[in-house]
């Protein structure tokens, strides 16, 4: 008997630095994401993740299991040296969106319409 895995979706945004070379490097890095990062994402309860870009604005869709928690993911990431190395590297390319508090990266987006 298969158990049904319930899921939720989250939508987040982040900016890249407005530099064509850095944006190209960022996209290249995401064509070969380190296996440890993929493992970390999956083990946290993220079932699917997609990132889209227009200009220097990124948009992420995360489909997560019902037991996923941002707090638990943050705690897992804090204790994972490879994730910390990846996040430090990614910050070379990323910048906070306007209105983000110091230290905030990916910002949750509010749903304002659904058909």
C-alpha atoms as a PDB file:
ATOM      1  CA  UNK A   1       0.000   0.000   0.000  1.00  0.00           C
ATOM      2  CA  UNK A   2       1.459   3.351  -1.067  1.00  0.00           C
ATOM      3  CA  UNK A   3       1.056   6.307   1.236  1.00  0.00           C
ATOM      4  CA  UNK A   4      -0.091   9.503  -0.362  1.00  0.00           C
ATOM      5  CA  UNK A   5       2.437  12.299   0.147  1.00  0.00           C
ATOM      6  CA  UNK A   6       0.646  15.585   0.585  1.00  0.00           C
ATOM      7  CA  UNK A   7       2.454  18.665  -0.632  1.00  0.00           C
ATOM      8  CA  UNK A   8       2.435  22.432  -0.419  1.00  0.00           C
ATOM      9  CA  UNK A   9       3.916  25.044  -2.724  1.00  0.00           C
ATOM     10  CA  UNK A  10       5.980  28.096  -1.893  1.00  0.00           C
ATOM     11  CA  UNK A  11       7.014  30.926  -4.211  1.00  0.00           C
ATOM     12  CA  UNK A  12      10.158  32.912  -3.512  1.00  0.00           C
ATOM     13  CA  UNK A  13      12.189  35.645  -5.173  1.00  0.00           C
ATOM     14  CA  UNK A  14      15.774  36.872  -5.112  1.00  0.00           C
ATOM     15  CA  UNK A  15      17.859  39.175  -7.282  1.00  0.00           C
ATOM     16  CA  UNK A  16      21.139  38.516  -9.011  1.00  0.00           C
ATOM     17  CA  UNK A  17      23.761  41.215  -9.308  1.00  0.00           C
ATOM     18  CA  UNK A  18      23.089  43.080 -12.553  1.00  0.00           C
ATOM     19  CA  UNK A  19      26.217  41.831 -14.314  1.00  0.00           C
ATOM     20  CA  UNK A  20      25.873  39.751 -17.491  1.00  0.00           C
ATOM     21  CA  UNK A  21      29.045  37.726 -16.805  1.00  0.00           C
ATOM     22  CA  UNK A  22      27.978  36.899 -13.229  1.00  0.00           C
ATOM     23  CA  UNK A  23      24.475  35.962 -14.396  1.00  0.00           C
ATOM     24  CA  UNK A  24      25.964  33.635 -17.040  1.00  0.00           C
ATOM     25  CA  UNK A  25      28.212  32.017 -14.397  1.00  0.00           C
ATOM     26  CA  UNK A  26      25.251  31.605 -12.024  1.00  0.00           C
ATOM     27  CA  UNK A  27      23.215  29.851 -14.699  1.00  0.00           C
ATOM     28  CA  UNK A  28      26.188  27.637 -15.556  1.00  0.00           C
ATOM     29  CA  UNK A  29      26.577  26.660 -11.881  1.00  0.00           C
ATOM     30  CA  UNK A  30      22.928  25.592 -11.881  1.00  0.00           C
ATOM     31  CA  UNK A  31      23.485  23.239 -14.824  1.00  0.00           C
ATOM     32  CA  UNK A  32      25.709  21.134 -12.549  1.00  0.00           C
ATOM     33  CA  UNK A  33      24.539  21.683  -8.970  1.00  0.00           C
ATOM     34  CA  UNK A  34      26.770  19.810  -6.543  1.00  0.00           C
ATOM     35  CA  UNK A  35      25.322  16.386  -5.621  1.00  0.00           C
ATOM     36  CA  UNK A  36      25.561  17.233  -1.904  1.00  0.00           C
ATOM     37  CA  UNK A  37      23.283  20.228  -2.496  1.00  0.00           C
ATOM     38  CA  UNK A  38      20.732  18.111  -4.383  1.00  0.00           C
ATOM     39  CA  UNK A  39      20.825  15.550  -1.536  1.00  0.00           C
ATOM     40  CA  UNK A  40      20.332  18.308   1.044  1.00  0.00           C
ATOM     41  CA  UNK A  41      17.368  19.754  -0.851  1.00  0.00           C
ATOM     42  CA  UNK A  42      15.677  16.376  -1.209  1.00  0.00           C
ATOM     43  CA  UNK A  43      16.349  15.236   2.370  1.00  0.00           C
ATOM     44  CA  UNK A  44      14.702  18.399   3.738  1.00  0.00           C
ATOM     45  CA  UNK A  45      11.333  17.456   2.221  1.00  0.00           C
ATOM     46  CA  UNK A  46      11.544  19.510  -0.965  1.00  0.00           C
ATOM     47  CA  UNK A  47       9.911  17.355  -3.644  1.00  0.00           C
ATOM     48  CA  UNK A  48      10.464  19.689  -6.594  1.00  0.00           C
ATOM     49  CA  UNK A  49      12.250  22.991  -7.091  1.00  0.00           C
ATOM     50  CA  UNK A  50      12.281  25.210 -10.166  1.00  0.00           C
ATOM     51  CA  UNK A  51      14.064  28.539 -10.607  1.00  0.00           C
ATOM     52  CA  UNK A  52      13.192  31.013 -13.368  1.00  0.00           C
ATOM     53  CA  UNK A  53      14.943  34.254 -14.332  1.00  0.00           C
ATOM     54  CA  UNK A  54      14.010  37.478 -16.048  1.00  0.00           C
ATOM     55  CA  UNK A  55      16.747  40.090 -16.186  1.00  0.00           C
ATOM     56  CA  UNK A  56      18.407  39.814 -12.794  1.00  0.00           C
ATOM     57  CA  UNK A  57      15.226  38.741 -10.913  1.00  0.00           C
ATOM     58  CA  UNK A  58      14.856  35.087  -9.888  1.00  0.00           C
ATOM     59  CA  UNK A  59      11.609  33.298  -9.104  1.00  0.00           C
ATOM     60  CA  UNK A  60      11.582  29.931  -7.315  1.00  0.00           C
ATOM     61  CA  UNK A  61       8.753  27.427  -7.026  1.00  0.00           C
ATOM     62  CA  UNK A  62       9.157  24.849  -4.277  1.00  0.00           C
ATOM     63  CA  UNK A  63       6.851  21.869  -3.884  1.00  0.00           C
ATOM     64  CA  UNK A  64       7.359  20.409  -0.422  1.00  0.00           C
ATOM     65  CA  UNK A  65       6.011  17.545   1.670  1.00  0.00           C
ATOM     66  CA  UNK A  66       3.544  18.373   4.427  1.00  0.00           C
ATOM     67  CA  UNK A  67       6.226  17.904   7.085  1.00  0.00           C
ATOM     68  CA  UNK A  68       8.632  20.394   5.442  1.00  0.00           C
ATOM     69  CA  UNK A  69       9.684  23.327   7.609  1.00  0.00           C
ATOM     70  CA  UNK A  70      11.866  26.307   6.710  1.00  0.00           C
ATOM     71  CA  UNK A  71      13.213  26.273  10.277  1.00  0.00           C
ATOM     72  CA  UNK A  72      14.221  22.618  10.030  1.00  0.00           C
ATOM     73  CA  UNK A  73      15.809  23.225   6.592  1.00  0.00           C
ATOM     74  CA  UNK A  74      17.790  26.177   8.000  1.00  0.00           C
ATOM     75  CA  UNK A  75      19.020  24.058  10.923  1.00  0.00           C
ATOM     76  CA  UNK A  76      20.046  21.243   8.556  1.00  0.00           C
ATOM     77  CA  UNK A  77      21.853  23.723   6.298  1.00  0.00           C
ATOM     78  CA  UNK A  78      23.669  25.382   9.209  1.00  0.00           C
ATOM     79  CA  UNK A  79      25.200  22.023  10.121  1.00  0.00           C
ATOM     80  CA  UNK A  80      26.198  21.078   6.570  1.00  0.00           C
ATOM     81  CA  UNK A  81      29.630  22.372   5.499  1.00  0.00           C
ATOM     82  CA  UNK A  82      28.995  21.723   1.794  1.00  0.00           C
ATOM     83  CA  UNK A  83      25.714  23.675   1.880  1.00  0.00           C
ATOM     84  CA  UNK A  84      27.491  26.551   3.637  1.00  0.00           C
ATOM     85  CA  UNK A  85      30.228  26.480   0.981  1.00  0.00           C
ATOM     86  CA  UNK A  86      27.575  26.540  -1.806  1.00  0.00           C
ATOM     87  CA  UNK A  87      25.630  29.374  -0.171  1.00  0.00           C
ATOM     88  CA  UNK A  88      28.800  31.445   0.250  1.00  0.00           C
ATOM     89  CA  UNK A  89      29.653  30.871  -3.419  1.00  0.00           C
ATOM     90  CA  UNK A  90      26.106  31.756  -4.538  1.00  0.00           C
ATOM     91  CA  UNK A  91      26.219  35.058  -2.636  1.00  0.00           C
ATOM     92  CA  UNK A  92      28.928  36.139  -5.127  1.00  0.00           C
ATOM     93  CA  UNK A  93      26.096  36.292  -7.689  1.00  0.00           C
ATOM     94  CA  UNK A  94      23.065  37.137  -5.546  1.00  0.00           C
ATOM     95  CA  UNK A  95      21.757  40.255  -3.839  1.00  0.00           C
ATOM     96  CA  UNK A  96      18.734  40.799  -1.659  1.00  0.00           C
ATOM     97  CA  UNK A  97      15.542  42.161  -3.179  1.00  0.00           C
ATOM     98  CA  UNK A  98      14.470  45.654  -2.138  1.00  0.00           C
ATOM     99  CA  UNK A  99      12.794  45.530   1.262  1.00  0.00           C
ATOM    100  CA  UNK A 100      14.709  42.477   2.511  1.00  0.00           C
ATOM    101  CA  UNK A 101      16.090  42.642   6.027  1.00  0.00           C
ATOM    102  CA  UNK A 102      19.849  42.225   6.577  1.00  0.00           C
ATOM    103  CA  UNK A 103      20.815  38.597   6.046  1.00  0.00           C
ATOM    104  CA  UNK A 104      17.617  37.663   4.174  1.00  0.00           C
ATOM    105  CA  UNK A 105      18.078  36.083   0.783  1.00  0.00           C
ATOM    106  CA  UNK A 106      15.156  34.284  -0.842  1.00  0.00           C
ATOM    107  CA  UNK A 107      11.978  36.174   0.069  1.00  0.00           C
ATOM    108  CA  UNK A 108       8.557  34.555   0.245  1.00  0.00           C
ATOM    109  CA  UNK A 109       6.066  35.963  -2.244  1.00  0.00           C
ATOM    110  CA  UNK A 110       2.412  36.539  -1.388  1.00  0.00           C
ATOM    111  CA  UNK A 111      -0.275  35.106  -3.643  1.00  0.00           C
ATOM    112  CA  UNK A 112      -2.491  37.932  -4.832  1.00  0.00           C
ATOM    113  CA  UNK A 113      -4.601  36.153  -7.459  1.00  0.00           C
ATOM    114  CA  UNK A 114      -5.706  32.660  -8.456  1.00  0.00           C
ATOM    115  CA  UNK A 115      -8.100  31.659 -11.221  1.00  0.00           C
END
